């Protein structure tokens, strides 16, 4: 019986970890982070052009 309880716990943990992972992936990148990345790319372009 102890082995069956451990298997059930493992299954429960696995399912919840997958669910949380999928929800996190589905959230996407926040707008502020995207804006920051765009600003950094622009700075790189400007610095590359002045070299």
N, C-alpha and C. Protein backbone atom coordinates (compact mmCIF):
# COMPACT_ATOMS: atom_id res chain seq x y z
N UNK A 1 0.83 -1.20 0.00
CA UNK A 1 0.00 0.00 0.00
C UNK A 1 0.87 1.26 0.00
N UNK A 2 1.99 1.23 0.71
CA UNK A 2 2.88 2.38 0.77
C UNK A 2 3.41 2.72 -0.62
N UNK A 3 3.74 1.72 -1.39
CA UNK A 3 4.24 1.95 -2.75
C UNK A 3 3.17 2.61 -3.62
N UNK A 4 1.94 2.19 -3.48
CA UNK A 4 0.84 2.77 -4.24
C UNK A 4 0.64 4.25 -3.88
N UNK A 5 0.78 4.58 -2.60
CA UNK A 5 0.65 5.98 -2.17
C UNK A 5 1.77 6.83 -2.76
N UNK A 6 2.99 6.29 -2.80
CA UNK A 6 4.11 7.03 -3.37
C UNK A 6 3.89 7.27 -4.86
N UNK A 7 3.40 6.27 -5.56
CA UNK A 7 3.13 6.41 -6.99
C UNK A 7 2.06 7.48 -7.23
N UNK A 8 1.04 7.48 -6.42
CA UNK A 8 -0.04 8.46 -6.55
C UNK A 8 0.50 9.86 -6.29
N UNK A 9 1.34 10.01 -5.26
CA UNK A 9 1.95 11.31 -4.97
C UNK A 9 2.81 11.79 -6.12
N UNK A 10 3.61 10.89 -6.67
CA UNK A 10 4.47 11.23 -7.80
C UNK A 10 3.64 11.67 -9.00
N UNK A 11 2.56 10.97 -9.28
CA UNK A 11 1.68 11.33 -10.39
C UNK A 11 1.07 12.71 -10.16
N UNK A 12 0.63 12.97 -8.94
CA UNK A 12 0.04 14.26 -8.58
C UNK A 12 1.06 15.39 -8.78
N UNK A 13 2.28 15.18 -8.30
CA UNK A 13 3.34 16.18 -8.45
C UNK A 13 3.66 16.40 -9.92
N UNK A 14 3.82 15.32 -10.68
CA UNK A 14 4.11 15.42 -12.11
C UNK A 14 3.04 16.23 -12.85
N UNK A 15 1.79 15.93 -12.60
CA UNK A 15 0.70 16.63 -13.27
C UNK A 15 0.71 18.12 -12.94
N UNK A 16 0.94 18.46 -11.69
CA UNK A 16 0.94 19.86 -11.28
C UNK A 16 2.15 20.61 -11.82
N UNK A 17 3.30 19.97 -11.85
CA UNK A 17 4.49 20.61 -12.44
C UNK A 17 4.27 20.88 -13.92
N UNK A 18 3.69 19.93 -14.63
CA UNK A 18 3.40 20.14 -16.05
C UNK A 18 2.41 21.28 -16.26
N UNK A 19 1.39 21.32 -15.43
CA UNK A 19 0.37 22.37 -15.54
C UNK A 19 0.99 23.74 -15.30
N UNK A 20 1.79 23.88 -14.26
CA UNK A 20 2.42 25.16 -13.95
C UNK A 20 3.37 25.56 -15.07
N UNK A 21 4.13 24.60 -15.60
CA UNK A 21 5.06 24.89 -16.69
C UNK A 21 4.29 25.39 -17.92
N UNK A 22 3.23 24.69 -18.29
CA UNK A 22 2.44 25.08 -19.46
C UNK A 22 1.81 26.46 -19.28
N UNK A 23 1.32 26.76 -18.08
CA UNK A 23 0.74 28.07 -17.82
C UNK A 23 1.80 29.16 -17.95
N UNK A 24 2.99 28.89 -17.46
CA UNK A 24 4.08 29.86 -17.53
C UNK A 24 4.49 30.12 -18.96
N UNK A 25 4.61 29.06 -19.75
CA UNK A 25 4.98 29.20 -21.15
C UNK A 25 3.92 29.99 -21.91
N UNK A 26 2.66 29.74 -21.60
CA UNK A 26 1.55 30.42 -22.28
C UNK A 26 1.47 31.91 -21.96
N UNK A 27 2.08 32.34 -20.84
CA UNK A 27 2.03 33.75 -20.46
C UNK A 27 2.74 34.65 -21.46
N UNK A 28 3.78 34.15 -22.06
CA UNK A 28 4.53 34.96 -23.01
C UNK A 28 5.45 35.94 -22.30
N UNK A 29 6.06 36.81 -23.09
CA UNK A 29 6.99 37.78 -22.56
C UNK A 29 6.23 39.06 -22.21
N UNK A 30 6.44 39.59 -21.01
CA UNK A 30 5.76 40.83 -20.63
C UNK A 30 6.16 41.99 -21.55
N UNK A 31 5.24 42.92 -21.77
CA UNK A 31 5.48 44.05 -22.66
C UNK A 31 6.70 44.86 -22.25
N UNK A 32 6.86 45.10 -20.96
CA UNK A 32 8.00 45.90 -20.49
C UNK A 32 9.32 45.22 -20.84
N UNK A 33 9.36 43.91 -20.73
CA UNK A 33 10.57 43.17 -21.06
C UNK A 33 10.85 43.26 -22.56
N UNK A 34 9.82 43.16 -23.36
CA UNK A 34 9.97 43.28 -24.82
C UNK A 34 10.48 44.66 -25.18
N UNK A 35 9.92 45.69 -24.54
CA UNK A 35 10.38 47.06 -24.79
C UNK A 35 11.86 47.23 -24.43
N UNK A 36 12.27 46.67 -23.30
CA UNK A 36 13.66 46.74 -22.89
C UNK A 36 14.57 46.05 -23.89
N UNK A 37 14.17 44.89 -24.36
CA UNK A 37 14.97 44.17 -25.36
C UNK A 37 15.10 44.99 -26.65
N UNK A 38 14.02 45.63 -27.06
CA UNK A 38 14.06 46.47 -28.26
C UNK A 38 15.00 47.65 -28.08
N UNK A 39 14.99 48.27 -26.91
CA UNK A 39 15.90 49.38 -26.64
C UNK A 39 17.35 48.91 -26.67
N UNK A 40 17.62 47.76 -26.10
CA UNK A 40 18.99 47.22 -26.11
C UNK A 40 19.45 46.91 -27.54
N UNK A 41 18.56 46.37 -28.34
CA UNK A 41 18.91 46.09 -29.74
C UNK A 41 19.22 47.38 -30.49
N UNK A 42 18.42 48.41 -30.23
CA UNK A 42 18.64 49.70 -30.87
C UNK A 42 20.00 50.28 -30.47
N UNK A 43 20.33 50.18 -29.20
CA UNK A 43 21.63 50.67 -28.72
C UNK A 43 22.77 49.91 -29.40
N UNK A 44 22.61 48.61 -29.54
CA UNK A 44 23.63 47.81 -30.21
C UNK A 44 23.82 48.28 -31.66
N UNK A 45 22.71 48.54 -32.35
CA UNK A 45 22.78 49.02 -33.73
C UNK A 45 23.51 50.37 -33.80
N UNK A 46 23.16 51.27 -32.87
CA UNK A 46 23.78 52.59 -32.85
C UNK A 46 25.28 52.49 -32.54
N UNK A 47 25.64 51.68 -31.61
CA UNK A 47 27.04 51.51 -31.24
C UNK A 47 27.84 50.81 -32.35
N UNK A 48 27.21 49.89 -33.03
CA UNK A 48 27.86 49.19 -34.13
C UNK A 48 28.10 50.12 -35.30
N UNK A 49 27.19 51.05 -35.54
CA UNK A 49 27.31 51.97 -36.66
C UNK A 49 28.39 53.02 -36.40
N UNK A 50 28.65 53.34 -35.13
CA UNK A 50 29.62 54.38 -34.82
C UNK A 50 31.04 53.85 -34.73
N UNK A 51 31.23 52.56 -34.80
CA UNK A 51 32.58 51.98 -34.69
C UNK A 51 33.33 52.05 -35.98
